[in-house]
Amino acid sequence: MKKNKLDIIEDSVKVVILPDSNGFTIAMIDAVQRNMSNEKYELIMTLARGLIDMARKEPDKVFRRGMRAFAKDREERKIKDRPVKKVIDFLDYLPGRKGKLS
């Protein structure tokens, strides 16, 4: 059975990050366990709680990790936007033959 978008959103935990005068406030909005098994509910609640704990205890590491993730995303977009090389040099794939004519 395929779920519609509303069910997917309802079957989730929301981690909310808000700007604050001291930096940020982070909170978790509990999931409604309507269409989830106990295992799925426990999994997403534990992941969300772990994210919150890490952000509270080591915000500098989380921030740097976010910066690295943004940089990686930019690099992946650049690679994706490059033109595809349509000429294949088969000599590159033959061991010991590169640059030899015979």
C-alpha atoms as a PDB file:
ATOM      1  CA  MET A   1       0.000   0.000   0.000  1.00  0.00           C
ATOM      2  CA  LYS A   2       1.462   3.313  -1.100  1.00  0.00           C
ATOM      3  CA  LYS A   3       1.232   6.174   1.389  1.00  0.00           C
ATOM      4  CA  ASN A   4       0.182   9.629   0.334  1.00  0.00           C
ATOM      5  CA  LYS A   5       2.280  12.677   1.201  1.00  0.00           C
ATOM      6  CA  LEU A   6       0.154  13.628   4.206  1.00  0.00           C
ATOM      7  CA  ASP A   7       0.617  10.196   5.781  1.00  0.00           C
ATOM      8  CA  ILE A   8       4.372  10.390   5.276  1.00  0.00           C
ATOM      9  CA  ILE A   9       4.512  13.787   6.982  1.00  0.00           C
ATOM     10  CA  GLU A  10       2.304  12.612   9.826  1.00  0.00           C
ATOM     11  CA  ASP A  11       4.452   9.514  10.312  1.00  0.00           C
ATOM     12  CA  SER A  12       7.516  11.545  11.214  1.00  0.00           C
ATOM     13  CA  VAL A  13       9.320  13.268  14.040  1.00  0.00           C
ATOM     14  CA  LYS A  14      10.066  16.930  13.554  1.00  0.00           C
ATOM     15  CA  VAL A  15      13.327  18.392  14.837  1.00  0.00           C
ATOM     16  CA  VAL A  16      12.917  22.151  15.020  1.00  0.00           C
ATOM     17  CA  ILE A  17      15.892  24.530  15.166  1.00  0.00           C
ATOM     18  CA  LEU A  18      15.194  28.169  15.962  1.00  0.00           C
ATOM     19  CA  PRO A  19      17.530  31.160  16.230  1.00  0.00           C
ATOM     20  CA  ASP A  20      17.981  32.389  19.791  1.00  0.00           C
ATOM     21  CA  SER A  21      19.784  35.285  21.460  1.00  0.00           C
ATOM     22  CA  ASN A  22      22.326  32.733  22.771  1.00  0.00           C
ATOM     23  CA  GLY A  23      22.685  30.880  19.450  1.00  0.00           C
ATOM     24  CA  PHE A  24      19.887  28.428  18.814  1.00  0.00           C
ATOM     25  CA  THR A  25      17.111  26.439  20.409  1.00  0.00           C
ATOM     26  CA  ILE A  26      16.437  22.893  19.290  1.00  0.00           C
ATOM     27  CA  ALA A  27      13.357  20.824  20.051  1.00  0.00           C
ATOM     28  CA  MET A  28      11.574  17.685  18.964  1.00  0.00           C
ATOM     29  CA  ILE A  29       7.913  17.499  18.048  1.00  0.00           C
ATOM     30  CA  ASP A  30       6.762  14.001  18.900  1.00  0.00           C
ATOM     31  CA  ALA A  31       5.349  11.768  16.201  1.00  0.00           C
ATOM     32  CA  VAL A  32       1.796  10.533  16.128  1.00  0.00           C
ATOM     33  CA  GLN A  33       2.150   6.769  16.083  1.00  0.00           C
ATOM     34  CA  ARG A  34      -0.932   6.254  13.946  1.00  0.00           C
ATOM     35  CA  ASN A  35       0.441   4.271  11.016  1.00  0.00           C
ATOM     36  CA  MET A  36       3.833   3.215  12.355  1.00  0.00           C
ATOM     37  CA  SER A  37       4.961   0.002  13.896  1.00  0.00           C
ATOM     38  CA  ASN A  38       6.547   0.197  17.333  1.00  0.00           C
ATOM     39  CA  GLU A  39       9.953  -0.569  15.785  1.00  0.00           C
ATOM     40  CA  LYS A  40       9.744   2.307  13.287  1.00  0.00           C
ATOM     41  CA  TYR A  41       8.503   4.689  15.967  1.00  0.00           C
ATOM     42  CA  GLU A  42      11.349   3.761  18.315  1.00  0.00           C
ATOM     43  CA  LEU A  43      13.896   4.088  15.502  1.00  0.00           C
ATOM     44  CA  ILE A  44      12.913   7.600  14.433  1.00  0.00           C
ATOM     45  CA  MET A  45      12.464   8.836  18.001  1.00  0.00           C
ATOM     46  CA  THR A  46      15.924   7.561  18.942  1.00  0.00           C
ATOM     47  CA  LEU A  47      17.555   9.115  15.873  1.00  0.00           C
ATOM     48  CA  ALA A  48      15.883  12.464  16.530  1.00  0.00           C
ATOM     49  CA  ARG A  49      16.903  12.413  20.185  1.00  0.00           C
ATOM     50  CA  GLY A  50      20.485  11.577  19.222  1.00  0.00           C
ATOM     51  CA  LEU A  51      20.603  14.502  16.781  1.00  0.00           C
ATOM     52  CA  ILE A  52      19.342  16.861  19.465  1.00  0.00           C
ATOM     53  CA  ASP A  53      21.817  15.563  22.034  1.00  0.00           C
ATOM     54  CA  MET A  54      24.722  15.955  19.617  1.00  0.00           C
ATOM     55  CA  ALA A  55      23.670  19.503  18.660  1.00  0.00           C
ATOM     56  CA  ARG A  56      23.410  20.508  22.319  1.00  0.00           C
ATOM     57  CA  LYS A  57      26.691  18.954  23.471  1.00  0.00           C
ATOM     58  CA  GLU A  58      28.874  19.612  20.432  1.00  0.00           C
ATOM     59  CA  PRO A  59      27.342  22.459  18.415  1.00  0.00           C
ATOM     60  CA  ASP A  60      30.715  23.403  16.930  1.00  0.00           C
ATOM     61  CA  LYS A  61      31.215  19.916  15.483  1.00  0.00           C
ATOM     62  CA  VAL A  62      27.661  19.817  14.138  1.00  0.00           C
ATOM     63  CA  PHE A  63      28.159  23.251  12.541  1.00  0.00           C
ATOM     64  CA  ARG A  64      31.450  22.214  10.882  1.00  0.00           C
ATOM     65  CA  ARG A  65      29.842  18.996   9.674  1.00  0.00           C
ATOM     66  CA  GLY A  66      27.049  21.045   8.126  1.00  0.00           C
ATOM     67  CA  MET A  67      29.568  23.300   6.389  1.00  0.00           C
ATOM     68  CA  ARG A  68      31.382  20.274   4.954  1.00  0.00           C
ATOM     69  CA  ALA A  69      28.058  18.795   3.800  1.00  0.00           C
ATOM     70  CA  PHE A  70      27.131  22.043   2.006  1.00  0.00           C
ATOM     71  CA  ALA A  71      30.563  22.097   0.298  1.00  0.00           C
ATOM     72  CA  LYS A  72      30.144  18.466  -0.776  1.00  0.00           C
ATOM     73  CA  ASP A  73      26.677  19.245  -2.165  1.00  0.00           C
ATOM     74  CA  ARG A  74      28.133  22.129  -4.220  1.00  0.00           C
ATOM     75  CA  GLU A  75      30.887  19.875  -5.609  1.00  0.00           C
ATOM     76  CA  GLU A  76      28.398  17.156  -6.542  1.00  0.00           C
ATOM     77  CA  ARG A  77      26.244  19.716  -8.373  1.00  0.00           C
ATOM     78  CA  LYS A  78      29.302  20.998 -10.279  1.00  0.00           C
ATOM     79  CA  ILE A  79      30.205  17.454 -11.348  1.00  0.00           C
ATOM     80  CA  LYS A  80      26.612  16.753 -12.378  1.00  0.00           C
ATOM     81  CA  ASP A  81      26.506  19.947 -14.503  1.00  0.00           C
ATOM     82  CA  ARG A  82      29.754  19.161 -16.398  1.00  0.00           C
ATOM     83  CA  PRO A  83      29.352  18.116 -20.008  1.00  0.00           C
ATOM     84  CA  VAL A  84      29.643  14.403 -20.576  1.00  0.00           C
ATOM     85  CA  LYS A  85      32.789  13.343 -22.417  1.00  0.00           C
ATOM     86  CA  LYS A  86      31.530  11.512 -25.484  1.00  0.00           C
ATOM     87  CA  VAL A  87      34.901  10.307 -26.795  1.00  0.00           C
ATOM     88  CA  ILE A  88      36.354   7.285 -25.037  1.00  0.00           C
ATOM     89  CA  ASP A  89      40.060   6.555 -25.351  1.00  0.00           C
ATOM     90  CA  PHE A  90      40.131   2.768 -25.172  1.00  0.00           C
ATOM     91  CA  LEU A  91      43.905   2.822 -24.778  1.00  0.00           C
ATOM     92  CA  ASP A  92      43.295   4.149 -21.264  1.00  0.00           C
ATOM     93  CA  TYR A  93      41.734   0.788 -20.426  1.00  0.00           C
ATOM     94  CA  LEU A  94      44.445  -1.431 -21.913  1.00  0.00           C
ATOM     95  CA  PRO A  95      47.244  -2.087 -19.424  1.00  0.00           C
ATOM     96  CA  GLY A  96      50.726  -1.406 -20.768  1.00  0.00           C
ATOM     97  CA  ARG A  97      49.481  -0.086 -24.149  1.00  0.00           C
ATOM     98  CA  LYS A  98      49.087   3.624 -23.401  1.00  0.00           C
ATOM     99  CA  GLY A  99      51.138   5.675 -25.845  1.00  0.00           C
ATOM    100  CA  LYS A 100      52.258   2.695 -27.976  1.00  0.00           C
ATOM    101  CA  LEU A 101      51.216   2.423 -31.615  1.00  0.00           C
ATOM    102  CA  SER A 102      52.034  -1.234 -32.199  1.00  0.00           C
END
